[in-house]
Amino acid sequence: MSKQYLTTHTVDNAHVTDIFSIAATPRAILSAGGSSTLRIHDTNDPTFPISQSISGAHELGCHHICASRDGLVAASAGFDGVVKVWTVTKETGEWNQHAEIKLPGKAGEIWAIALSENGRYLAGTTYDGRINVWDVGDSSTPKIQEYETGSAGASSFGMCVDLSPDGKLTASGHQNGAVYVFNNDTGRMLYSLSGLAKPVRTVAFSPGSTRLAAAGDASVIALYDMKHGEHVGNLTGHASWITSLDWSNTGEYLLSGAMDGKAKVWSIDRAACVATHSETEKALWSVKWLPKTNRSEMFCTAGANRSLTLYREATGI
């Protein structure tokens, strides 16, 4: 049985450039793009107005933004290679900079980023394939892990990263099609996963940390079991590069966005697409489920059309 979603609202011209990344918290959507400004949109208001604009957050623009599950910590990565960590004041909902991380070397060395569920740890990829993990709960933001993904000169650009909800694993996807999983307790590689031979643009752990989804230029979503590191299936149906993945709160569904502007909802149990939506033919760079509240199930898409589009599950049909 298919699922139906309705376009509930579109925030046109939310940014003056492509929106490269969005993050969702229980009370807001955070969006980032090629301009220097981060925007916070209030999800408690049905028109999703801008509640805060952080001007000059990243001088050369921002390509990744992420948030902790409780919505109290966020991080953003700019084209200048600087990562900024943000915290929110519960009473006002205002975000302020908490810390800044920059690796020595050329601009843009830190690329994709991910926060742990509790907002304590931050993982980031690099152009030469290394994966770093910092403790951003410490005011000095020390680096606590550095993972190597190959011999000197043989590593591939780290295009995406995720931290498992239980905090035990870090996964990365690379330009050469490799997917790696690391054990954060031992500091060692746990799995080198097969199944994708083209650049991997997005990896995402399931809510129970039992599965990993990975996708990219192969236009296929590969699913892996984290108990044994086995490739357990593929989800096929996209006709272009897949740029973003996000699991639903229960892990029953997986949301994907692609370069052709299509967003798809997949049933994991049925291994099938149950909904396809497109408000634009331009690239979707980021898709996110909104945290479950007392409202209907919702997700948000953003990309090259510079708009945020909100969908909610149709009920009573």
Protein backbone atom coordinates (compact mmCIF):
# COMPACT_ATOMS: atom_id res chain seq x y z
CA MET A 1 0.00 0.00 0.00
CA SER A 2 1.34 3.40 -0.97
CA LYS A 3 1.50 6.41 1.30
CA GLN A 4 0.24 9.84 0.32
CA TYR A 5 1.80 13.15 1.27
CA LEU A 6 0.44 16.62 0.60
CA THR A 7 2.49 19.74 -0.02
CA THR A 8 1.57 21.70 3.07
CA HIS A 9 3.77 24.77 2.59
CA THR A 10 6.62 26.13 0.50
CA VAL A 11 9.02 28.81 1.71
CA ASP A 12 10.02 30.43 -1.57
CA ASN A 13 13.43 32.09 -1.88
CA ALA A 14 14.44 30.92 1.59
CA HIS A 15 18.04 31.64 0.53
CA VAL A 16 19.55 33.70 -2.27
CA THR A 17 21.57 30.68 -3.47
CA ASP A 18 21.16 26.90 -3.57
CA ILE A 19 20.21 25.43 -0.20
CA PHE A 20 22.86 22.77 0.29
CA SER A 21 21.81 21.39 3.66
CA ILE A 22 19.00 21.40 6.21
CA ALA A 23 18.68 20.09 9.77
CA ALA A 24 15.49 19.54 11.74
CA THR A 25 14.92 19.96 15.49
CA PRO A 26 11.71 19.61 17.54
CA ARG A 27 11.01 23.32 17.06
CA ALA A 28 12.92 24.49 13.97
CA ILE A 29 14.41 23.83 10.55
CA LEU A 30 17.98 25.09 10.12
CA SER A 31 19.03 25.82 6.55
CA ALA A 32 22.36 26.65 4.92
CA GLY A 33 23.49 27.52 1.43
CA GLY A 34 26.02 29.28 -0.72
CA SER A 35 25.55 32.60 1.05
CA SER A 36 27.13 33.50 4.39
CA THR A 37 23.82 33.40 6.29
CA LEU A 38 22.26 30.53 8.24
CA ARG A 39 18.49 30.64 8.66
CA ILE A 40 16.26 29.24 11.41
CA HIS A 41 12.62 28.53 10.54
CA ASP A 42 9.98 28.10 13.25
CA THR A 43 8.14 24.80 12.74
CA ASN A 44 5.57 25.56 15.44
CA ASP A 45 4.05 28.16 13.08
CA PRO A 46 2.24 26.66 10.03
CA THR A 47 3.87 29.27 7.75
CA PHE A 48 7.37 28.26 8.91
CA PRO A 49 8.63 31.86 9.25
CA ILE A 50 12.27 32.79 9.73
CA SER A 51 12.79 33.21 13.47
CA GLN A 52 16.51 33.99 13.22
CA SER A 53 19.11 34.80 10.57
CA ILE A 54 22.76 34.36 11.49
CA SER A 55 24.60 36.70 9.12
CA GLY A 56 28.25 36.12 8.34
CA ALA A 57 28.23 32.61 9.81
CA HIS A 58 30.45 31.35 6.98
CA GLU A 59 32.01 33.98 4.73
CA LEU A 60 32.30 31.68 1.69
CA GLY A 61 28.98 29.91 2.25
CA CYS A 62 27.99 26.71 4.03
CA HIS A 63 27.66 23.22 2.55
CA HIS A 64 26.63 21.09 5.58
CA ILE A 65 24.54 21.66 8.69
CA CYS A 66 23.41 19.12 11.28
CA ALA A 67 21.70 19.07 14.67
CA SER A 68 21.47 16.82 17.70
CA ARG A 69 18.28 14.85 18.24
CA ASP A 70 17.18 17.00 21.18
CA GLY A 71 17.69 20.13 19.09
CA LEU A 72 20.04 21.82 21.55
CA VAL A 73 23.28 21.59 19.53
CA ALA A 74 23.98 22.20 15.85
CA ALA A 75 27.09 22.35 13.68
CA SER A 76 27.79 23.90 10.29
CA ALA A 77 30.68 23.48 7.84
CA GLY A 78 31.74 26.22 5.44
CA PHE A 79 33.66 26.27 2.19
CA ASP A 80 36.51 27.94 4.05
CA GLY A 81 37.08 24.72 6.01
CA VAL A 82 35.78 26.11 9.29
CA VAL A 83 33.23 24.19 11.35
CA LYS A 84 31.13 26.10 13.83
CA VAL A 85 29.25 24.56 16.73
CA TRP A 86 26.04 26.26 17.86
CA THR A 87 23.89 25.94 20.97
CA VAL A 88 20.34 27.15 21.49
CA THR A 89 18.80 28.95 24.44
CA LYS A 90 15.77 26.87 25.41
CA GLU A 91 13.68 29.79 26.58
CA THR A 92 14.12 32.01 23.52
CA GLY A 93 15.10 29.53 20.80
CA GLU A 94 18.03 31.75 19.83
CA TRP A 95 21.18 30.11 18.47
CA ASN A 96 24.68 31.32 19.39
CA GLN A 97 28.16 30.14 18.48
CA HIS A 98 29.67 27.77 21.03
CA ALA A 99 32.93 26.69 19.39
CA GLU A 100 34.94 26.74 16.17
CA ILE A 101 37.01 23.95 14.63
CA LYS A 102 39.57 24.32 11.86
CA LEU A 103 42.17 21.84 10.74
CA PRO A 104 45.58 23.14 9.69
CA GLY A 105 45.98 22.91 5.94
CA LYS A 106 44.17 24.12 2.90
CA ALA A 107 40.68 25.64 2.91
CA GLY A 108 37.86 23.14 2.75
CA GLU A 109 39.76 20.33 4.45
CA ILE A 110 36.73 19.51 6.62
CA TRP A 111 33.84 18.54 4.38
CA ALA A 112 30.84 16.50 5.58
CA ILE A 113 29.88 16.59 9.27
CA ALA A 114 27.56 14.74 11.65
CA LEU A 115 26.62 15.15 15.32
CA SER A 116 25.95 12.37 17.78
CA GLU A 117 22.38 12.04 19.02
CA ASN A 118 23.21 13.79 22.30
CA GLY A 119 25.23 16.54 20.59
CA ARG A 120 28.43 15.61 22.43
CA TYR A 121 30.51 14.35 19.51
CA LEU A 122 31.12 15.68 16.02
CA ALA A 123 32.50 13.67 13.09
CA GLY A 124 33.97 15.24 9.96
CA THR A 125 35.44 13.97 6.69
CA THR A 126 38.45 15.37 4.84
CA TYR A 127 39.57 15.69 1.22
CA ASP A 128 42.25 13.01 1.77
CA GLY A 129 39.88 10.41 3.22
CA ARG A 130 40.55 10.81 6.95
CA ILE A 131 37.66 10.86 9.41
CA ASN A 132 38.00 12.92 12.59
CA VAL A 133 35.84 12.87 15.72
CA TRP A 134 35.82 15.73 18.24
CA ASP A 135 34.34 16.07 21.71
CA VAL A 136 32.40 19.31 21.30
CA GLY A 137 30.98 18.98 24.80
CA ASP A 138 34.44 19.98 26.02
CA SER A 139 35.11 23.72 25.72
CA SER A 140 38.47 23.02 24.06
CA THR A 141 36.84 20.65 21.49
CA PRO A 142 39.64 18.05 21.53
CA LYS A 143 40.03 15.58 18.69
CA ILE A 144 39.44 12.13 20.19
CA GLN A 145 39.67 9.91 17.10
CA GLU A 146 41.31 10.08 13.68
CA TYR A 147 40.50 7.27 11.28
CA GLU A 148 42.55 6.43 8.21
CA THR A 149 40.75 4.88 5.24
CA GLY A 150 43.73 3.76 3.18
CA SER A 151 47.48 3.82 2.76
CA ALA A 152 49.26 7.11 2.13
CA GLY A 153 48.08 8.63 -1.15
CA ALA A 154 45.49 5.90 -1.69
CA SER A 155 42.60 7.31 0.34
CA SER A 156 39.57 8.84 -1.35
CA PHE A 157 37.73 12.11 -0.65
CA GLY A 158 35.24 11.69 2.20
CA MET A 159 31.91 12.86 0.80
CA CYS A 160 29.60 11.99 3.71
CA VAL A 161 29.59 10.81 7.32
CA ASP A 162 27.19 9.74 10.05
CA LEU A 163 27.38 8.76 13.73
CA SER A 164 25.17 5.92 14.96
CA PRO A 165 22.43 6.88 17.44
CA ASP A 166 24.06 4.75 20.15
CA GLY A 167 27.36 6.58 19.57
CA LYS A 168 29.33 3.40 19.00
CA LEU A 169 29.91 3.66 15.24
CA THR A 170 31.05 6.17 12.64
CA ALA A 171 30.30 5.57 8.94
CA SER A 172 31.79 7.37 5.94
CA GLY A 173 31.16 7.33 2.20
CA HIS A 174 33.85 8.17 -0.34
CA GLN A 175 34.37 9.37 -3.89
CA ASN A 176 35.70 6.00 -5.00
CA GLY A 177 32.50 4.22 -3.89
CA ALA A 178 33.90 2.90 -0.61
CA VAL A 179 31.84 2.79 2.57
CA TYR A 180 33.63 2.33 5.89
CA VAL A 181 32.36 1.76 9.42
CA PHE A 182 34.55 2.44 12.46
CA ASN A 183 34.22 1.35 16.09
CA ASN A 184 34.44 4.49 18.21
CA ASP A 185 35.36 2.53 21.35
CA THR A 186 38.36 0.74 19.85
CA GLY A 187 39.29 3.43 17.34
CA ARG A 188 39.57 0.84 14.58
CA MET A 189 37.86 0.09 11.29
CA LEU A 190 35.05 -2.39 11.81
CA TYR A 191 33.82 -2.93 8.23
CA SER A 192 34.77 -2.05 4.68
CA LEU A 193 31.47 -2.42 2.86
CA SER A 194 30.88 -3.42 -0.75
CA GLY A 195 27.90 -2.73 -2.98
CA LEU A 196 28.47 0.74 -4.47
CA ALA A 197 31.11 1.33 -7.15
CA LYS A 198 30.45 5.04 -7.73
CA PRO A 199 30.80 8.11 -5.45
CA VAL A 200 28.83 7.80 -2.21
CA ARG A 201 27.14 11.09 -1.32
CA THR A 202 25.10 10.11 1.73
CA VAL A 203 25.19 7.56 4.56
CA ALA A 204 22.66 7.22 7.37
CA PHE A 205 22.30 4.91 10.38
CA SER A 206 18.86 3.62 11.31
CA PRO A 207 17.38 4.74 14.67
CA GLY A 208 18.29 1.45 16.33
CA SER A 209 21.85 1.52 14.93
CA THR A 210 21.15 -1.88 13.36
CA ARG A 211 21.33 -0.81 9.72
CA LEU A 212 23.22 1.60 7.51
CA ALA A 213 21.89 3.06 4.27
CA ALA A 214 24.29 4.44 1.65
CA ALA A 215 23.66 6.01 -1.74
CA GLY A 216 25.13 8.28 -4.39
CA ASP A 217 25.96 8.36 -8.07
CA ALA A 218 24.97 4.72 -8.64
CA SER A 219 21.30 5.80 -8.10
CA VAL A 220 20.88 2.83 -5.76
CA ILE A 221 20.34 2.80 -1.99
CA ALA A 222 22.40 0.01 -0.44
CA LEU A 223 21.33 -1.39 2.94
CA TYR A 224 23.81 -3.00 5.34
CA ASP A 225 23.32 -5.00 8.53
CA MET A 226 25.56 -3.61 11.26
CA LYS A 227 25.76 -6.80 13.32
CA HIS A 228 27.82 -8.62 10.70
CA GLY A 229 28.61 -5.88 8.13
CA GLU A 230 26.59 -7.64 5.44
CA HIS A 231 25.05 -6.07 2.34
CA VAL A 232 21.41 -7.10 2.83
CA GLY A 233 19.62 -5.35 -0.03
CA ASN A 234 19.20 -2.53 -2.50
CA LEU A 235 16.40 -0.02 -3.03
CA THR A 236 16.11 0.93 -6.71
CA GLY A 237 13.91 3.48 -8.46
CA HIS A 238 15.80 6.75 -8.61
CA ALA A 239 16.94 7.75 -12.10
CA SER A 240 19.70 10.16 -11.02
CA TRP A 241 22.33 10.69 -8.35
CA ILE A 242 20.99 10.33 -4.80
CA THR A 243 22.18 13.20 -2.63
CA SER A 244 20.47 12.76 0.75
CA LEU A 245 18.99 10.07 3.01
CA ASP A 246 17.09 10.26 6.30
CA TRP A 247 15.42 7.53 8.39
CA SER A 248 12.00 8.04 9.93
CA ASN A 249 11.76 8.14 13.72
CA THR A 250 10.69 4.47 13.92
CA GLY A 251 13.06 3.19 11.24
CA GLU A 252 10.11 1.89 9.19
CA TYR A 253 10.70 4.33 6.36
CA LEU A 254 13.66 5.89 4.58
CA LEU A 255 13.49 9.27 2.82
CA SER A 256 15.72 10.01 -0.17
CA GLY A 257 16.35 13.01 -2.39
CA ALA A 258 17.98 13.12 -5.81
CA MET A 259 19.49 15.37 -8.46
CA ASP A 260 16.35 15.25 -10.62
CA GLY A 261 14.25 16.93 -7.91
CA LYS A 262 12.45 13.78 -6.82
CA ALA A 263 11.99 12.77 -3.17
CA LYS A 264 11.02 9.20 -2.39
CA VAL A 265 9.73 7.43 0.72
CA TRP A 266 10.73 3.78 1.03
CA SER A 267 9.21 1.03 3.16
CA ILE A 268 12.09 -0.94 4.68
CA ASP A 269 9.94 -4.01 5.42
CA ARG A 270 8.62 -4.17 1.86
CA ALA A 271 11.88 -2.95 0.26
CA ALA A 272 9.76 -0.76 -1.99
CA CYS A 273 9.07 2.89 -2.76
CA VAL A 274 5.69 3.91 -1.31
CA ALA A 275 5.66 7.60 -2.33
CA THR A 276 7.36 9.86 -4.87
CA HIS A 277 7.12 13.66 -4.87
CA SER A 278 8.65 16.46 -6.88
CA GLU A 279 8.05 20.20 -6.65
CA THR A 280 11.00 21.01 -8.88
CA GLU A 281 13.15 19.55 -11.62
CA LYS A 282 16.22 21.07 -10.00
CA ALA A 283 18.54 19.16 -7.68
CA LEU A 284 17.47 18.32 -4.16
CA TRP A 285 20.54 18.65 -1.97
CA SER A 286 18.93 17.75 1.36
CA VAL A 287 15.83 15.97 2.69
CA LYS A 288 14.79 15.58 6.34
CA TRP A 289 11.95 14.14 8.38
CA LEU A 290 10.64 16.55 10.98
CA PRO A 291 10.74 15.10 14.52
CA LYS A 292 7.44 13.51 15.50
CA THR A 293 5.14 15.72 17.58
CA ASN A 294 1.37 15.74 17.86
CA ARG A 295 1.11 16.68 14.16
CA SER A 296 0.98 14.40 11.13
CA GLU A 297 4.18 12.84 9.79
CA MET A 298 6.12 15.52 7.87
CA PHE A 299 9.29 15.93 5.84
CA CYS A 300 11.15 18.82 4.24
CA THR A 301 13.13 19.09 1.00
CA ALA A 302 15.57 21.77 -0.18
CA GLY A 303 17.95 22.34 -3.03
CA ALA A 304 18.78 24.28 -6.15
CA ASN A 305 15.37 25.98 -6.37
CA ARG A 306 16.32 27.90 -3.19
CA SER A 307 13.08 26.95 -1.46
CA LEU A 308 11.99 24.78 1.44
CA THR A 309 9.08 22.48 0.65
CA LEU A 310 7.13 20.84 3.49
CA TYR A 311 5.08 17.68 3.04
CA ARG A 312 2.69 16.07 5.50
CA GLU A 313 1.13 12.64 5.43
CA ALA A 314 -2.42 12.64 4.11
CA THR A 315 -4.86 11.25 6.68
CA GLY A 316 -8.47 10.21 6.39
CA ILE A 317 -8.21 9.36 2.70
